[in-house]
Amino acid sequence: MTVSKHTIDLRVAAELDMPQRTVTKATTRFLEVLKHELIKDGEVYIQGLGRFRVVKYTTSTKNLTKLAEKRSVEQPAHFKVFFSKAPALRSALKRKHR
């Protein structure tokens, strides 16, 4: 099951007894800063959750065969974001899914 940001905002607002609008502004800003830092530095670590890391895949050459003729096709560089679990999250997941 996927949980939406809106659902998280509602839960945090209820648990902290805060207006949902205030929580939504805070979580939206948090995500904007997270995105900015990923773009700027390529890596963000959030204690208890884990590490987000941007990896750039450089231009590569792939060989294609067409009518017994090899051609070289350049692929543009692209980026992927990887997530590595923090030890606390990893152990909590192991306990839950035994």
Protein backbone atom coordinates (compact mmCIF):
# COMPACT_ATOMS: atom_id res chain seq x y z
CA MET A 1 0.00 0.00 0.00
CA THR A 2 1.31 3.44 -0.91
CA VAL A 3 0.83 6.25 1.59
CA SER A 4 0.41 9.76 0.18
CA LYS A 5 2.01 12.94 1.49
CA HIS A 6 -1.48 14.20 2.33
CA THR A 7 -2.10 11.18 4.56
CA ILE A 8 1.21 11.75 6.32
CA ASP A 9 0.38 15.44 6.79
CA LEU A 10 -2.96 14.54 8.37
CA ARG A 11 -1.37 12.03 10.74
CA VAL A 12 1.41 14.42 11.84
CA ALA A 13 -1.11 17.23 12.35
CA ALA A 14 -3.27 14.99 14.53
CA GLU A 15 -0.34 13.63 16.55
CA LEU A 16 1.13 17.09 17.18
CA ASP A 17 -2.25 18.80 17.60
CA MET A 18 -1.31 21.33 14.91
CA PRO A 19 -3.30 22.76 12.02
CA GLN A 20 -2.98 20.59 8.92
CA ARG A 21 -2.15 23.66 6.82
CA THR A 22 0.92 24.38 9.02
CA VAL A 23 2.13 20.78 8.79
CA THR A 24 1.59 20.73 5.02
CA LYS A 25 3.70 23.89 4.62
CA ALA A 26 6.46 22.39 6.77
CA THR A 27 6.55 19.02 4.99
CA THR A 28 6.37 20.66 1.56
CA ARG A 29 9.29 22.92 2.46
CA PHE A 30 11.22 19.95 3.85
CA LEU A 31 10.81 18.08 0.56
CA GLU A 32 11.86 21.17 -1.43
CA VAL A 33 15.04 21.50 0.64
CA LEU A 34 15.73 17.75 0.32
CA LYS A 35 15.38 17.99 -3.47
CA HIS A 36 17.58 21.11 -3.61
CA GLU A 37 20.33 19.44 -1.56
CA LEU A 38 20.21 16.30 -3.70
CA ILE A 39 20.64 18.42 -6.82
CA LYS A 40 23.38 20.54 -5.22
CA ASP A 41 25.44 17.93 -3.37
CA GLY A 42 24.26 14.62 -4.80
CA GLU A 43 23.76 13.02 -1.38
CA VAL A 44 21.49 13.54 1.64
CA TYR A 45 21.52 11.53 4.86
CA ILE A 46 18.51 11.56 7.20
CA GLN A 47 19.27 9.95 10.55
CA GLY A 48 17.03 6.97 11.25
CA LEU A 49 15.80 6.81 7.65
CA GLY A 50 18.79 6.51 5.35
CA ARG A 51 20.85 8.01 2.57
CA PHE A 52 19.65 9.35 -0.78
CA ARG A 53 22.41 9.39 -3.40
CA VAL A 54 22.40 10.62 -7.00
CA VAL A 55 24.41 8.53 -9.45
CA LYS A 56 25.20 9.79 -12.93
CA TYR A 57 25.46 7.22 -15.67
CA THR A 58 27.85 8.64 -18.23
CA THR A 59 27.44 8.38 -21.95
CA SER A 60 28.06 4.86 -23.10
CA THR A 61 28.39 3.19 -26.45
CA LYS A 62 26.12 0.32 -27.41
CA ASN A 63 26.68 -1.87 -30.39
CA LEU A 64 23.74 -2.71 -32.59
CA THR A 65 23.74 -5.22 -35.41
CA LYS A 66 21.78 -4.47 -38.57
CA LEU A 67 22.26 -6.52 -41.72
CA ALA A 68 25.57 -7.89 -40.39
CA GLU A 69 26.89 -4.35 -39.94
CA LYS A 70 27.85 -3.06 -36.51
CA ARG A 71 26.92 0.46 -35.64
CA SER A 72 27.81 2.44 -32.58
CA VAL A 73 24.98 4.40 -30.92
CA GLU A 74 25.69 6.93 -28.17
CA GLN A 75 23.31 6.97 -25.26
CA PRO A 76 22.82 10.26 -23.38
CA ALA A 77 23.88 10.50 -19.74
CA HIS A 78 21.15 10.04 -17.18
CA PHE A 79 20.73 10.13 -13.41
CA LYS A 80 19.28 7.76 -10.84
CA VAL A 81 18.56 8.31 -7.16
CA PHE A 82 19.42 5.42 -4.87
CA PHE A 83 18.22 4.96 -1.31
CA SER A 84 20.22 3.08 1.34
CA LYS A 85 18.41 2.21 4.56
CA ALA A 86 19.79 3.40 7.89
CA PRO A 87 20.62 0.57 10.33
CA ALA A 88 17.62 1.45 12.55
CA LEU A 89 15.21 1.24 9.61
CA ARG A 90 16.80 -1.96 8.33
CA SER A 91 16.40 -3.73 11.68
CA ALA A 92 12.82 -2.45 12.11
CA LEU A 93 11.92 -3.83 8.67
CA LYS A 94 13.50 -7.19 9.50
CA ARG A 95 11.48 -7.43 12.72
CA LYS A 96 8.22 -6.56 10.96
CA HIS A 97 8.68 -8.91 8.01
CA ARG A 98 9.90 -12.09 9.69
